[in-house]
C-alpha cells in the first residue's frame, strides 16, 4: 500500500520537502531543496506506487529522453527514478511565474504580435522534443508557463511518449476508446487512431493561438470563452464532435481581427486541418512560419544576416529569422548546403530572436560541426562573432547593430 505523501520538512530520498505547490490527476508537485543545486527545485511525485514493471520501464525510458532536452522553452528535468515507496519521481526546474490561463484572461483577445510571440516560443521548445521522437500530447494553456520576463516554457510531458509506439494512455473515456489529453484541445485523429505524430501538437498549439486571438472557444464563437468552457467542462462529446466535423470560423471574420495579416489567418487554418498530413509536420516547421510572420507581417522580430561561405570560393547571404533551422543538403533543410561535401541534415540552428543568441545542435557525434574552431558534439550557445563550420562550409551571423 502506498504511504502518505511527504509533508513539509520530510525527506523524500535526498530531497528536503519545503512545500507542496500543486497537483494534477496523477501526481503532486513539491518545492524541494536538492543536493548539488543552488536553487530550489520542483519534485513531481506520483500519487500511487507504480506496480507494473513494463509501465515503470516505459515511464523511465521516456523521462530519460526528456532529460536530454536543453531548450530554455521547456522545463529542464534533472533527475528521475523510482522511490523506495514505489512512486515515480521527477526532479525539475522550479519556475517563477504562472500558467498561461492565469497569466491571460481568455475572455479578452491578446494582441496578435504578443499571441504569436508566445506560441512561437512554445514551438521552439517543442521542436527539440519532436526532433527526439517525443510528442507532448496534452498542449493546453495550463501546460504553457509564462515566467516574469515573459519567457514561455512548455510544462508537463506526463502524457508524452515516443510517437512511433502504438497504444493509448490517459483517463478521459470517449465512445469505445480512451482519449489522450484534454477534450478541449484534442486532435481529430484521436477518434480513429491511437497513434499521434508531432502534427498533433501543432493542432493543439493552433487551438490555443486561435483562442488567444479571438477570445472565443474554437468552434463556439457565439459566447465568451469562459461561458463555453464552463458549460462544457464535464461534457467531452461536443468538443470531440466539433474537432472531428466542424470547421473553425476564419480569424478575419471576427470584427476586431478584420485587419489581421492574411498570412497568419491562413497559417492558423492550415494548422487546424482535420487531416494531420495537411498541417505543418512539426513544431519546428510551425516556429519558422510564425517567425516569418513576426518579422514580415507584425514587425516585432529583428532578423539577422547569415553568410554561407562555400569551400570552393564565394558566399551567399540569407536572412536568418527566429526559428528552428536544419542545416545540410536535405531538400527540406531551411539552411541548404549544396550536396558537394555535405550530407543530409548535419545540425540544427535554433534562435529565439534578440536579445537571445542562437544555439547549434549537431546531429552526429563526429567532427563535422565546429564552433570557433573547436569540435562540438552537443548543443552549444553561440557568442557574437563566432564562426560555425558545418562540414566544409562556414557560417557567419551578423546581428543588427554589429
Protein backbone atom coordinates (compact mmCIF):
# COMPACT_ATOMS: atom_id res chain seq x y z
CA UNK A 1 0.00 0.00 0.00
CA UNK A 2 1.36 3.44 -0.94
CA UNK A 3 2.36 5.62 2.00
CA UNK A 4 1.07 9.15 2.52
CA UNK A 5 2.59 11.95 0.52
CA UNK A 6 5.53 13.67 2.21
CA UNK A 7 4.97 16.86 4.16
CA UNK A 8 7.00 20.00 4.79
CA UNK A 9 10.27 19.13 6.50
CA UNK A 10 10.24 15.48 5.36
CA UNK A 11 12.93 13.94 3.22
CA UNK A 12 12.00 12.09 0.06
CA UNK A 13 15.21 10.30 -0.75
CA UNK A 14 17.81 13.05 -0.79
CA UNK A 15 15.27 15.84 -1.33
CA UNK A 16 14.02 18.07 1.50
CA UNK A 17 10.34 18.93 1.09
CA UNK A 18 9.74 22.67 1.52
CA UNK A 19 6.07 22.89 0.45
CA UNK A 20 3.51 21.38 -1.86
CA UNK A 21 2.92 23.73 -4.79
CA UNK A 22 0.38 21.89 -6.94
CA UNK A 23 -1.21 18.67 -8.02
CA UNK A 24 -2.76 17.10 -11.10
CA UNK A 25 -4.76 14.00 -11.88
CA UNK A 26 -1.92 11.57 -11.23
CA UNK A 27 0.77 13.42 -9.28
CA UNK A 28 1.66 16.13 -6.79
CA UNK A 29 4.40 18.74 -7.14
CA UNK A 30 6.61 19.97 -4.31
CA UNK A 31 9.22 22.68 -3.95
CA UNK A 32 12.32 20.98 -2.60
CA UNK A 33 15.92 21.57 -1.67
CA UNK A 34 18.13 19.21 -3.69
CA UNK A 35 21.83 18.42 -3.11
CA UNK A 36 24.05 19.93 -5.77
CA UNK A 37 21.56 22.62 -6.79
CA UNK A 38 22.00 26.26 -5.75
CA UNK A 39 18.31 27.00 -6.30
CA UNK A 40 15.19 25.22 -5.13
CA UNK A 41 13.82 22.58 -7.49
CA UNK A 42 10.39 21.11 -8.18
CA UNK A 43 9.75 17.43 -7.39
CA UNK A 44 6.88 15.74 -9.21
CA UNK A 45 5.70 12.63 -7.40
CA UNK A 46 3.05 10.11 -8.49
CA UNK A 47 0.16 9.69 -6.05
CA UNK A 48 0.35 5.91 -6.21
CA UNK A 49 3.10 3.35 -6.42
CA UNK A 50 3.55 2.00 -9.93
CA UNK A 51 3.42 -1.76 -9.72
CA UNK A 52 3.55 -2.76 -13.37
CA UNK A 53 7.13 -3.36 -14.45
CA UNK A 54 6.52 -2.52 -18.11
CA UNK A 55 4.87 0.77 -17.13
CA UNK A 56 7.83 1.69 -14.95
CA UNK A 57 10.34 0.86 -17.66
CA UNK A 58 8.41 2.84 -20.28
CA UNK A 59 8.00 5.84 -17.98
CA UNK A 60 11.67 5.94 -17.03
CA UNK A 61 12.76 5.42 -20.64
CA UNK A 62 10.67 8.38 -21.77
CA UNK A 63 11.85 10.52 -18.87
CA UNK A 64 15.42 9.69 -19.88
CA UNK A 65 14.69 11.23 -23.29
CA UNK A 66 13.16 14.31 -21.67
CA UNK A 67 16.32 14.76 -19.58
CA UNK A 68 18.24 15.35 -22.82
CA UNK A 69 16.12 18.40 -23.70
CA UNK A 70 18.05 21.62 -23.07
CA UNK A 71 15.99 24.30 -24.82
CA UNK A 72 15.06 27.08 -22.41
CA UNK A 73 11.45 26.89 -23.58
CA UNK A 74 10.93 23.55 -21.85
CA UNK A 75 11.19 22.72 -18.16
CA UNK A 76 14.56 21.09 -17.51
CA UNK A 77 14.49 17.60 -15.96
CA UNK A 78 17.46 16.98 -13.64
CA UNK A 79 16.73 13.55 -12.18
CA UNK A 80 14.09 10.84 -12.23
CA UNK A 81 13.55 7.36 -10.91
CA UNK A 82 11.57 5.07 -8.67
CA UNK A 83 11.37 5.95 -4.98
CA UNK A 84 11.64 3.42 -2.16
CA UNK A 85 7.82 3.61 -1.81
CA UNK A 86 7.29 2.65 -5.47
CA UNK A 87 6.37 6.12 -6.67
CA UNK A 88 7.84 7.58 -9.85
CA UNK A 89 9.55 10.92 -9.18
CA UNK A 90 10.91 13.64 -11.46
CA UNK A 91 13.18 16.47 -10.29
CA UNK A 92 12.74 19.60 -12.42
CA UNK A 93 13.39 23.32 -12.52
CA UNK A 94 11.35 25.34 -10.05
CA UNK A 95 9.81 28.19 -12.03
CA UNK A 96 8.58 31.63 -11.10
CA UNK A 97 5.54 32.88 -12.97
CA UNK A 98 2.17 31.37 -13.82
CA UNK A 99 0.29 29.22 -16.30
CA UNK A 100 -0.93 30.90 -19.49
CA UNK A 101 -4.57 30.59 -18.42
CA UNK A 102 -3.73 32.51 -15.23
CA UNK A 103 -1.42 35.00 -16.98
CA UNK A 104 -4.06 35.95 -19.55
CA UNK A 105 -7.85 36.40 -19.33
CA UNK A 106 -9.09 34.35 -22.29
CA UNK A 107 -12.32 36.39 -22.34
CA UNK A 108 -10.19 39.21 -23.76
CA UNK A 109 -8.26 39.00 -27.05
CA UNK A 110 -4.49 39.13 -26.78
CA UNK A 111 -2.73 41.49 -29.21
CA UNK A 112 -1.72 39.46 -32.28
CA UNK A 113 2.01 40.16 -32.01
CA UNK A 114 2.09 39.04 -28.36
CA UNK A 115 -0.02 35.93 -29.04
CA UNK A 116 2.16 34.85 -31.97
CA UNK A 117 5.33 35.52 -29.98
CA UNK A 118 4.16 33.34 -27.09
CA UNK A 119 3.13 30.41 -29.28
CA UNK A 120 6.37 30.83 -31.26
CA UNK A 121 8.33 30.28 -28.03
CA UNK A 122 6.30 27.16 -27.23
CA UNK A 123 7.08 25.88 -30.73
CA UNK A 124 10.80 26.33 -30.17
CA UNK A 125 10.61 24.23 -27.01
CA UNK A 126 8.54 21.50 -28.65
CA UNK A 127 10.76 21.45 -31.76
CA UNK A 128 13.57 19.82 -29.81
CA UNK A 129 11.19 17.28 -28.29
CA UNK A 130 9.77 16.44 -31.72
CA UNK A 131 13.28 16.02 -33.11
CA UNK A 132 13.90 13.47 -30.34
CA UNK A 133 10.76 11.47 -31.15
CA UNK A 134 8.59 12.85 -28.33
CA UNK A 135 5.07 14.22 -28.80
CA UNK A 136 3.65 16.16 -25.85
CA UNK A 137 0.03 15.04 -26.49
CA UNK A 138 -1.58 17.46 -23.99
CA UNK A 139 -0.83 21.00 -25.14
CA UNK A 140 -3.22 23.47 -23.49
CA UNK A 141 -2.93 26.83 -21.69
CA UNK A 142 -2.40 25.11 -18.32
CA UNK A 143 0.73 23.42 -19.73
CA UNK A 144 2.24 26.63 -21.08
CA UNK A 145 4.14 28.52 -18.38
CA UNK A 146 4.90 32.26 -18.55
CA UNK A 147 7.87 33.45 -16.49
CA UNK A 148 8.09 37.00 -15.09
CA UNK A 149 10.19 38.12 -18.09
CA UNK A 150 7.54 36.55 -20.39
CA UNK A 151 9.79 33.67 -21.38
CA UNK A 152 7.49 30.77 -22.22
CA UNK A 153 8.15 27.17 -21.22
CA UNK A 154 6.23 24.02 -22.07
CA UNK A 155 5.21 22.07 -18.96
CA UNK A 156 4.14 18.56 -18.08
CA UNK A 157 5.21 15.95 -20.55
CA UNK A 158 3.30 13.49 -18.37
CA UNK A 159 1.31 12.17 -21.35
CA UNK A 160 4.25 12.26 -23.73
CA UNK A 161 5.58 9.06 -25.21
CA UNK A 162 7.62 8.01 -28.21
CA UNK A 163 5.35 8.73 -31.17
CA UNK A 164 6.24 5.61 -33.12
CA UNK A 165 4.69 3.34 -30.47
CA UNK A 166 1.03 2.39 -30.79
CA UNK A 167 -1.24 2.47 -27.76
CA UNK A 168 -3.04 5.00 -25.60
CA UNK A 169 -2.78 6.39 -22.14
CA UNK A 170 -5.00 8.84 -20.30
CA UNK A 171 -8.14 8.94 -18.28
CA UNK A 172 -10.86 10.59 -20.36
CA UNK A 173 -13.20 7.98 -21.84
CA UNK A 174 -14.59 8.52 -25.33
CA UNK A 175 -17.01 6.26 -27.14
CA UNK A 176 -15.30 2.90 -27.38
CA UNK A 177 -11.75 4.03 -26.59
CA UNK A 178 -9.56 6.14 -24.35
CA UNK A 179 -8.72 9.77 -25.02
CA UNK A 180 -5.23 11.13 -24.59
CA UNK A 181 -5.12 14.61 -23.09
CA UNK A 182 -7.89 17.19 -22.79
CA UNK A 183 -11.07 17.17 -24.97
CA UNK A 184 -11.00 20.96 -25.47
CA UNK A 185 -7.58 20.75 -27.17
CA UNK A 186 -7.61 17.21 -28.56
CA UNK A 187 -6.93 16.30 -32.19
CA UNK A 188 -9.39 14.84 -34.75
CA UNK A 189 -7.15 11.86 -35.47
CA UNK A 190 -7.59 10.56 -31.93
CA UNK A 191 -11.09 9.44 -32.83
CA UNK A 192 -9.81 6.92 -35.36
CA UNK A 193 -6.18 6.20 -34.45
CA UNK A 194 -4.18 5.72 -31.24
CA UNK A 195 -1.00 6.93 -32.94
CA UNK A 196 -0.12 10.62 -32.64
CA UNK A 197 2.61 12.31 -34.68
CA UNK A 198 4.18 15.73 -33.97
CA UNK A 199 1.47 17.34 -36.10
CA UNK A 200 -0.94 16.54 -33.23
CA UNK A 201 0.86 19.09 -31.06
CA UNK A 202 0.75 21.57 -33.96
CA UNK A 203 -3.05 21.26 -33.98
CA UNK A 204 -3.33 21.90 -30.23
CA UNK A 205 -0.97 24.88 -30.41
CA UNK A 206 -3.16 26.34 -33.16
CA UNK A 207 -6.26 25.92 -31.00
CA UNK A 208 -4.56 27.88 -28.20
CA UNK A 209 -3.41 30.59 -30.62
CA UNK A 210 -6.89 30.84 -32.16
CA UNK A 211 -8.44 31.34 -28.73
CA UNK A 212 -5.83 33.90 -27.65
CA UNK A 213 -6.60 35.95 -30.75
CA UNK A 214 -10.41 35.65 -30.72
CA UNK A 215 -11.34 35.46 -27.00
CA UNK A 216 -13.70 32.66 -28.02
CA UNK A 217 -13.53 28.89 -27.71
CA UNK A 218 -12.78 27.40 -31.08
CA UNK A 219 -15.94 26.10 -32.85
CA UNK A 220 -18.19 28.01 -30.39
CA UNK A 221 -17.93 31.70 -31.38
CA UNK A 222 -21.29 32.91 -30.08
CA UNK A 223 -20.46 33.26 -26.39
CA UNK A 224 -17.44 34.34 -24.31
CA UNK A 225 -14.62 31.88 -23.83
CA UNK A 226 -15.28 31.22 -20.14
CA UNK A 227 -19.00 30.65 -20.68
CA UNK A 228 -18.36 27.90 -23.23
CA UNK A 229 -15.56 26.36 -21.20
CA UNK A 230 -17.67 26.18 -18.06
CA UNK A 231 -20.76 24.91 -19.89
CA UNK A 232 -18.87 22.02 -21.50
CA UNK A 233 -16.48 21.31 -18.63
CA UNK A 234 -17.90 17.87 -17.88
CA UNK A 235 -19.13 17.00 -21.35
CA UNK A 236 -16.41 15.96 -23.82
CA UNK A 237 -18.77 14.86 -26.61
CA UNK A 238 -19.43 18.36 -28.11
CA UNK A 239 -15.69 19.01 -28.19
CA UNK A 240 -14.89 15.71 -29.86
CA UNK A 241 -17.70 16.11 -32.38
CA UNK A 242 -16.54 19.62 -33.26
CA UNK A 243 -12.89 18.64 -33.61
CA UNK A 244 -13.92 15.85 -35.97
CA UNK A 245 -16.63 17.58 -38.05
CA UNK A 246 -16.73 21.38 -37.60
CA UNK A 247 -14.61 23.91 -39.47
CA UNK A 248 -13.39 26.91 -37.46
CA UNK A 249 -14.54 30.37 -38.49
CA UNK A 250 -11.74 32.29 -40.27
CA UNK A 251 -9.95 34.64 -37.91
CA UNK A 252 -10.74 37.62 -40.15
CA UNK A 253 -14.47 37.04 -39.60
CA UNK A 254 -14.12 38.44 -36.08
CA UNK A 255 -14.55 42.23 -36.31
CA UNK A 256 -11.51 43.03 -34.17
CA UNK A 257 -9.33 40.82 -36.41
CA UNK A 258 -10.52 42.21 -39.75
CA UNK A 259 -7.04 43.67 -40.41
CA UNK A 260 -5.11 40.61 -39.28
CA UNK A 261 -2.24 39.75 -41.67
CA UNK A 262 -3.67 37.23 -44.17
CA UNK A 263 -0.59 35.01 -43.76
CA UNK A 264 -1.43 34.49 -40.08
CA UNK A 265 -5.07 33.61 -40.71
CA UNK A 266 -4.07 31.15 -43.44
CA UNK A 267 -1.40 29.52 -41.27
CA UNK A 268 -3.75 29.01 -38.30
CA UNK A 269 -6.37 27.36 -40.52
CA UNK A 270 -3.69 25.13 -42.07
CA UNK A 271 -2.61 24.01 -38.60
CA UNK A 272 -6.26 23.19 -37.82
CA UNK A 273 -6.69 20.86 -40.79
CA UNK A 274 -8.56 17.68 -39.86
CA UNK A 275 -6.07 15.53 -41.80
CA UNK A 276 -2.70 15.53 -39.97
CA UNK A 277 -0.66 15.35 -43.18
CA UNK A 278 -2.07 18.71 -44.32
CA UNK A 279 -0.67 20.57 -41.28
CA UNK A 280 2.92 21.71 -40.73
CA UNK A 281 4.71 18.47 -39.89
CA UNK A 282 6.11 19.53 -36.52
CA UNK A 283 6.68 22.41 -34.14
CA UNK A 284 9.94 23.36 -35.88
CA UNK A 285 8.09 24.00 -39.14
CA UNK A 286 5.42 26.00 -37.33
CA UNK A 287 8.11 28.01 -35.49
CA UNK A 288 9.67 29.00 -38.81
CA UNK A 289 6.33 30.08 -40.26
CA UNK A 290 5.47 32.11 -37.15
CA UNK A 291 8.96 33.65 -37.13
CA UNK A 292 8.43 34.84 -40.69
CA UNK A 293 5.07 36.39 -39.75
CA UNK A 294 6.59 38.07 -36.71
CA UNK A 295 9.26 39.68 -38.88
CA UNK A 296 7.50 40.48 -42.15
CA UNK A 297 3.88 41.00 -41.07
CA UNK A 298 3.93 42.05 -37.41
CA UNK A 299 7.28 43.83 -37.28
CA UNK A 300 8.45 42.73 -33.84
CA UNK A 301 11.23 40.22 -34.58
CA UNK A 302 14.52 41.55 -35.89
CA UNK A 303 16.26 39.26 -38.36
CA UNK A 304 19.98 38.64 -38.60
CA UNK A 305 22.08 38.11 -41.72
CA UNK A 306 23.55 34.66 -42.28
CA UNK A 307 26.54 34.36 -44.61
CA UNK A 308 27.33 30.90 -46.01
CA UNK A 309 30.93 30.70 -47.21
CA UNK A 310 31.46 27.95 -49.80
CA UNK A 311 34.54 25.73 -49.74
CA UNK A 312 35.19 26.27 -53.42
CA UNK A 313 35.07 30.06 -53.17
CA UNK A 314 32.31 32.63 -52.97
CA UNK A 315 29.49 33.08 -50.49
CA UNK A 316 25.77 33.74 -50.24
CA UNK A 317 23.85 35.87 -47.78
CA UNK A 318 20.49 34.80 -46.36
CA UNK A 319 18.09 36.41 -43.93
CA UNK A 320 18.04 34.48 -40.62
CA UNK A 321 14.69 34.67 -38.85
CA UNK A 322 13.91 33.37 -35.36
CA UNK A 323 13.07 29.70 -35.61
CA UNK A 324 14.30 26.13 -35.94
CA UNK A 325 16.67 25.76 -38.91
CA UNK A 326 18.06 22.46 -40.19
CA UNK A 327 21.45 22.70 -41.91
CA UNK A 328 22.53 20.31 -44.66
CA UNK A 329 21.87 19.05 -48.17
CA UNK A 330 18.41 17.57 -47.49
CA UNK A 331 15.73 19.09 -49.70
CA UNK A 332 13.73 20.31 -46.73
CA UNK A 333 16.69 21.89 -44.90
CA UNK A 334 15.98 25.51 -44.00
CA UNK A 335 19.69 26.36 -44.42
CA UNK A 336 20.58 24.38 -47.53
CA UNK A 337 24.15 23.44 -48.37
CA UNK A 338 24.94 22.13 -51.86
CA UNK A 339 25.42 18.38 -51.91
CA UNK A 340 29.11 18.62 -52.64
CA UNK A 341 30.88 17.94 -49.35
CA UNK A 342 27.78 17.81 -47.14
CA UNK A 343 25.28 15.17 -46.10
CA UNK A 344 21.61 15.11 -45.18
CA UNK A 345 20.81 17.26 -42.16
CA UNK A 346 24.00 17.76 -40.16
CA UNK A 347 22.95 20.25 -37.48
CA UNK A 348 20.06 22.36 -36.22
CA UNK A 349 20.34 26.09 -35.52
CA UNK A 350 17.73 27.41 -33.07
CA UNK A 351 17.16 31.10 -32.45
CA UNK A 352 14.51 32.90 -30.42
CA UNK A 353 15.46 36.33 -31.73
CA UNK A 354 17.32 39.13 -29.98
CA UNK A 355 18.38 39.64 -27.25
CA UNK A 356 18.92 35.86 -27.19
CA UNK A 357 21.74 34.38 -29.28
CA UNK A 358 21.36 31.19 -31.33
CA UNK A 359 22.21 27.67 -30.25
CA UNK A 360 23.51 25.00 -32.60
CA UNK A 361 22.98 21.27 -32.11
CA UNK A 362 24.97 18.72 -34.15
CA UNK A 363 23.09 15.58 -35.14
CA UNK A 364 26.12 13.29 -35.43
CA UNK A 365 28.79 12.63 -32.82
CA UNK A 366 31.67 13.23 -35.21
CA UNK A 367 33.90 16.18 -36.05
CA UNK A 368 31.67 17.64 -38.77
CA UNK A 369 30.42 20.62 -36.75
CA UNK A 370 32.73 23.19 -35.17
CA UNK A 371 32.21 26.48 -33.37
CA UNK A 372 35.13 28.88 -33.12
CA UNK A 373 37.42 26.15 -34.44
CA UNK A 374 36.52 23.59 -31.78
CA UNK A 375 34.54 20.43 -32.43
CA UNK A 376 31.17 20.31 -30.68
CA UNK A 377 29.09 17.21 -30.00
CA UNK A 378 26.20 18.71 -28.03
CA UNK A 379 24.02 21.81 -28.00
CA UNK A 380 26.20 24.92 -27.88
CA UNK A 381 25.21 28.56 -27.45
CA UNK A 382 26.96 30.87 -29.87
CA UNK A 383 28.78 34.03 -28.87
CA UNK A 384 28.62 37.10 -31.07
CA UNK A 385 31.04 36.80 -33.95
CA UNK A 386 31.69 33.07 -33.53
CA UNK A 387 32.18 31.25 -36.81
CA UNK A 388 30.34 27.97 -37.40
CA UNK A 389 31.80 25.24 -39.57
CA UNK A 390 29.48 22.54 -40.93
CA UNK A 391 31.48 20.10 -42.99
CA UNK A 392 33.47 22.18 -45.49
CA UNK A 393 31.15 25.20 -45.18
CA UNK A 394 31.49 28.20 -42.88
CA UNK A 395 28.52 30.11 -41.46
CA UNK A 396 28.79 33.65 -40.09
CA UNK A 397 25.97 35.56 -38.41
CA UNK A 398 25.75 39.35 -38.35
CA UNK A 399 23.24 40.79 -35.91
CA UNK A 400 21.56 44.20 -36.11
CA UNK A 401 23.82 46.78 -34.52
CA UNK A 402 27.04 44.79 -35.05
